[in-house]
Amino acid sequence: MFFINRLLPSPLPHEHVEFELRRHWFVFVREAALYVILLLAPAVLTLAITSFELALWEQLFNGSLTEVIVRLALSLYYLGVWVFFWHTWVDYYLDVWVVTNERVLSLEQRGIFNRTVAELRLSRVQDVTSQVKGLWETFLHYGDVRIQTAGEQGNFVFREIKQPYEVAERLMRLVDQWHQDHPNEGG
């Protein structure tokens, strides 16, 4: 709870966190699988070269300048895969949506040095919809929740979160509760 409260930029009086949302774990696993394939590709290529053309392999790695260049290129390749993997992890891990009894906060990482923080008061929420689209999303119960707002402010989207139907229902209950607690305050 301490960590979530630290995420709240300038907490309001009597505001408390109702729930925190993060993207589903499968989203990261799906993206990480690509990096595993990229990490295994040089090993598979090496096996293919050595099994079919041993003379070519011996020619590449005979202690010459070619060997140094191939090893340098391979090191740069692995470094690039590693950097992009960590970029994916940071983007996945630092995306968080916090719902309090007063507002909805979206803290999204967009790259290594770009963080977007957006806020939406519960009084501005007009409609909440959830969407589960695709085979994996259906079987693993994750999807998007869209919050339609009053006025010019753009819609909020909780992307690829678990249990989107339940989250939408909980959020609408919070909005209804807010309007009951504040009957004279409109949007």
Protein backbone atom coordinates (compact mmCIF):
# COMPACT_ATOMS: atom_id res chain seq x y z
CA MET A 1 0.00 0.00 0.00
CA PHE A 2 2.90 2.35 0.74
CA PHE A 3 4.20 1.97 -2.81
CA ILE A 4 0.80 2.72 -4.36
CA ASN A 5 0.29 5.79 -2.18
CA ARG A 6 3.66 7.07 -3.38
CA LEU A 7 2.34 6.80 -6.93
CA LEU A 8 -0.43 9.28 -6.21
CA PRO A 9 0.64 12.72 -7.38
CA SER A 10 -0.64 15.17 -4.76
CA PRO A 11 -3.24 13.02 -2.96
CA LEU A 12 -6.55 14.70 -2.24
CA PRO A 13 -7.96 14.98 1.29
CA HIS A 14 -9.75 11.77 2.34
CA GLU A 15 -8.57 10.01 -0.81
CA HIS A 16 -7.65 6.34 -0.58
CA VAL A 17 -6.67 3.75 -3.15
CA GLU A 18 -9.46 1.38 -4.17
CA PHE A 19 -7.39 -0.78 -6.51
CA GLU A 20 -4.31 -0.86 -8.71
CA LEU A 21 -4.19 -2.33 -12.20
CA ARG A 22 -1.31 -3.63 -14.26
CA ARG A 23 -1.10 -5.28 -17.63
CA HIS A 24 -1.61 -9.04 -17.68
CA TRP A 25 1.54 -11.19 -17.27
CA PHE A 26 0.91 -12.93 -20.59
CA VAL A 27 1.47 -9.64 -22.44
CA PHE A 28 5.09 -9.62 -21.27
CA VAL A 29 5.57 -13.36 -21.89
CA ARG A 30 4.25 -12.97 -25.45
CA GLU A 31 6.68 -10.13 -26.15
CA ALA A 32 9.59 -11.83 -24.35
CA ALA A 33 9.15 -14.93 -26.52
CA LEU A 34 10.35 -12.91 -29.50
CA TYR A 35 13.56 -12.05 -27.67
CA VAL A 36 14.13 -15.70 -26.75
CA ILE A 37 13.83 -16.59 -30.43
CA LEU A 38 16.24 -13.78 -31.33
CA LEU A 39 18.72 -15.03 -28.71
CA LEU A 40 18.55 -18.59 -30.05
CA ALA A 41 18.82 -17.60 -33.72
CA PRO A 42 22.65 -17.31 -33.82
CA ALA A 43 23.05 -20.71 -32.14
CA VAL A 44 20.67 -22.33 -34.63
CA LEU A 45 22.48 -20.62 -37.50
CA THR A 46 25.82 -21.84 -36.15
CA LEU A 47 24.54 -25.40 -35.95
CA ALA A 48 23.21 -25.16 -39.48
CA ILE A 49 26.53 -23.88 -40.85
CA THR A 50 28.63 -26.47 -39.01
CA SER A 51 26.43 -29.39 -39.98
CA PHE A 52 26.28 -28.51 -43.68
CA GLU A 53 29.53 -26.78 -44.47
CA LEU A 54 32.32 -27.49 -42.02
CA ALA A 55 34.89 -25.96 -44.36
CA LEU A 56 33.06 -22.60 -44.29
CA TRP A 57 32.98 -22.68 -40.50
CA GLU A 58 36.72 -23.41 -40.28
CA GLN A 59 37.38 -20.61 -42.74
CA LEU A 60 35.40 -18.09 -40.64
CA PHE A 61 37.08 -19.09 -37.37
CA ASN A 62 40.71 -19.69 -38.18
CA GLY A 63 42.15 -16.93 -36.00
CA SER A 64 41.98 -14.27 -38.69
CA LEU A 65 40.40 -10.85 -38.80
CA THR A 66 37.17 -12.46 -39.98
CA GLU A 67 36.82 -14.25 -36.65
CA VAL A 68 37.23 -10.98 -34.75
CA ILE A 69 34.62 -9.24 -36.92
CA VAL A 70 32.13 -12.12 -36.58
CA ARG A 71 32.56 -12.20 -32.79
CA LEU A 72 32.18 -8.42 -32.56
CA ALA A 73 29.05 -8.49 -34.72
CA LEU A 74 27.62 -11.31 -32.61
CA SER A 75 28.36 -9.39 -29.40
CA LEU A 76 26.66 -6.27 -30.76
CA TYR A 77 23.68 -8.38 -31.82
CA TYR A 78 23.30 -9.88 -28.34
CA LEU A 79 23.72 -6.45 -26.75
CA GLY A 80 20.96 -5.06 -28.98
CA VAL A 81 18.58 -7.91 -28.13
CA TRP A 82 19.33 -7.44 -24.43
CA VAL A 83 18.70 -3.66 -24.57
CA PHE A 84 15.39 -4.09 -26.38
CA PHE A 85 14.37 -6.82 -23.94
CA TRP A 86 14.94 -4.47 -20.99
CA HIS A 87 13.09 -1.71 -22.80
CA THR A 88 10.11 -4.07 -23.11
CA TRP A 89 10.37 -5.03 -19.43
CA VAL A 90 10.49 -1.41 -18.25
CA ASP A 91 7.52 -0.50 -20.44
CA TYR A 92 5.54 -3.46 -19.09
CA TYR A 93 6.48 -3.09 -15.43
CA LEU A 94 6.03 0.66 -15.06
CA ASP A 95 2.57 0.86 -16.67
CA VAL A 96 0.11 1.15 -13.78
CA TRP A 97 -3.39 2.48 -13.34
CA VAL A 98 -4.57 3.50 -9.89
CA VAL A 99 -8.24 3.95 -9.01
CA THR A 100 -9.07 5.87 -5.84
CA ASN A 101 -12.36 6.92 -4.32
CA GLU A 102 -11.95 10.34 -6.04
CA ARG A 103 -10.13 9.80 -9.34
CA VAL A 104 -8.49 7.51 -11.84
CA LEU A 105 -4.75 7.87 -12.46
CA SER A 106 -2.92 6.55 -15.48
CA LEU A 107 0.86 6.23 -15.14
CA GLU A 108 2.23 4.89 -18.40
CA GLN A 109 5.82 4.43 -19.46
CA ARG A 110 6.36 5.22 -23.13
CA GLY A 111 9.99 4.38 -23.70
CA ILE A 112 12.88 4.61 -21.28
CA PHE A 113 12.79 8.37 -20.64
CA ASN A 114 9.14 9.20 -21.30
CA ARG A 115 6.46 8.81 -18.62
CA THR A 116 2.89 10.04 -18.99
CA VAL A 117 0.73 10.71 -15.94
CA ALA A 118 -2.95 11.50 -16.53
CA GLU A 119 -5.76 12.05 -14.06
CA LEU A 120 -9.52 11.75 -14.37
CA ARG A 121 -12.01 12.69 -11.66
CA LEU A 122 -14.75 10.14 -11.03
CA SER A 123 -17.28 12.94 -11.47
CA ARG A 124 -16.26 13.18 -15.16
CA VAL A 125 -16.83 9.50 -15.96
CA GLN A 126 -19.84 8.94 -18.20
CA ASP A 127 -19.45 5.36 -19.36
CA VAL A 128 -17.14 2.39 -18.86
CA THR A 129 -16.82 -0.39 -21.42
CA SER A 130 -14.68 -3.50 -21.49
CA GLN A 131 -13.42 -5.44 -24.47
CA VAL A 132 -11.86 -8.88 -24.74
CA LYS A 133 -10.73 -9.61 -28.27
CA GLY A 134 -8.72 -12.59 -29.46
CA LEU A 135 -8.03 -16.20 -28.60
CA TRP A 136 -5.46 -15.71 -25.85
CA GLU A 137 -7.36 -12.80 -24.34
CA THR A 138 -10.52 -14.89 -24.12
CA PHE A 139 -8.84 -17.93 -22.56
CA LEU A 140 -6.69 -15.94 -20.14
CA HIS A 141 -9.38 -13.37 -19.28
CA TYR A 142 -7.63 -10.13 -20.12
CA GLY A 143 -8.51 -7.16 -22.29
CA ASP A 144 -9.09 -3.41 -22.39
CA VAL A 145 -11.32 -1.16 -20.31
CA ARG A 146 -12.31 2.19 -21.85
CA ILE A 147 -13.58 5.08 -19.78
CA GLN A 148 -15.63 7.65 -21.67
CA THR A 149 -15.44 11.10 -20.15
CA ALA A 150 -17.55 14.20 -20.16
CA GLY A 151 -16.16 17.19 -22.04
CA GLU A 152 -13.05 17.61 -24.10
CA GLN A 153 -10.80 15.26 -22.17
CA GLY A 154 -9.83 12.16 -24.13
CA ASN A 155 -10.92 8.69 -23.15
CA PHE A 156 -8.90 6.65 -20.68
CA VAL A 157 -7.90 3.13 -21.67
CA PHE A 158 -6.61 0.45 -19.32
CA ARG A 159 -4.76 -1.76 -21.81
CA GLU A 160 -4.48 -5.54 -21.52
CA ILE A 161 -5.52 -5.83 -17.87
CA LYS A 162 -6.80 -8.98 -16.22
CA GLN A 163 -10.53 -9.43 -15.59
CA PRO A 164 -11.70 -6.38 -17.63
CA TYR A 165 -15.43 -7.10 -17.11
CA GLU A 166 -15.05 -7.09 -13.34
CA VAL A 167 -12.88 -3.96 -13.41
CA ALA A 168 -15.48 -2.09 -15.49
CA GLU A 169 -18.22 -3.13 -13.09
CA ARG A 170 -16.18 -2.09 -10.02
CA LEU A 171 -15.37 1.24 -11.61
CA MET A 172 -19.02 1.99 -12.40
CA ARG A 173 -19.94 1.13 -8.80
CA LEU A 174 -17.29 3.62 -7.60
CA VAL A 175 -18.68 6.30 -9.93
CA ASP A 176 -22.23 5.63 -8.67
CA GLN A 177 -20.98 5.75 -5.08
CA TRP A 178 -19.19 9.04 -5.75
CA HIS A 179 -22.40 10.57 -7.13
CA GLN A 180 -24.35 9.33 -4.06
CA ASP A 181 -21.77 10.82 -1.71
CA HIS A 182 -21.69 14.14 -3.63
CA PRO A 183 -25.28 14.72 -4.78
CA ASN A 184 -24.88 18.48 -5.36
CA GLU A 185 -21.63 18.25 -7.29
CA GLY A 186 -22.03 17.62 -11.01
CA GLY A 187 -19.22 16.79 -13.40
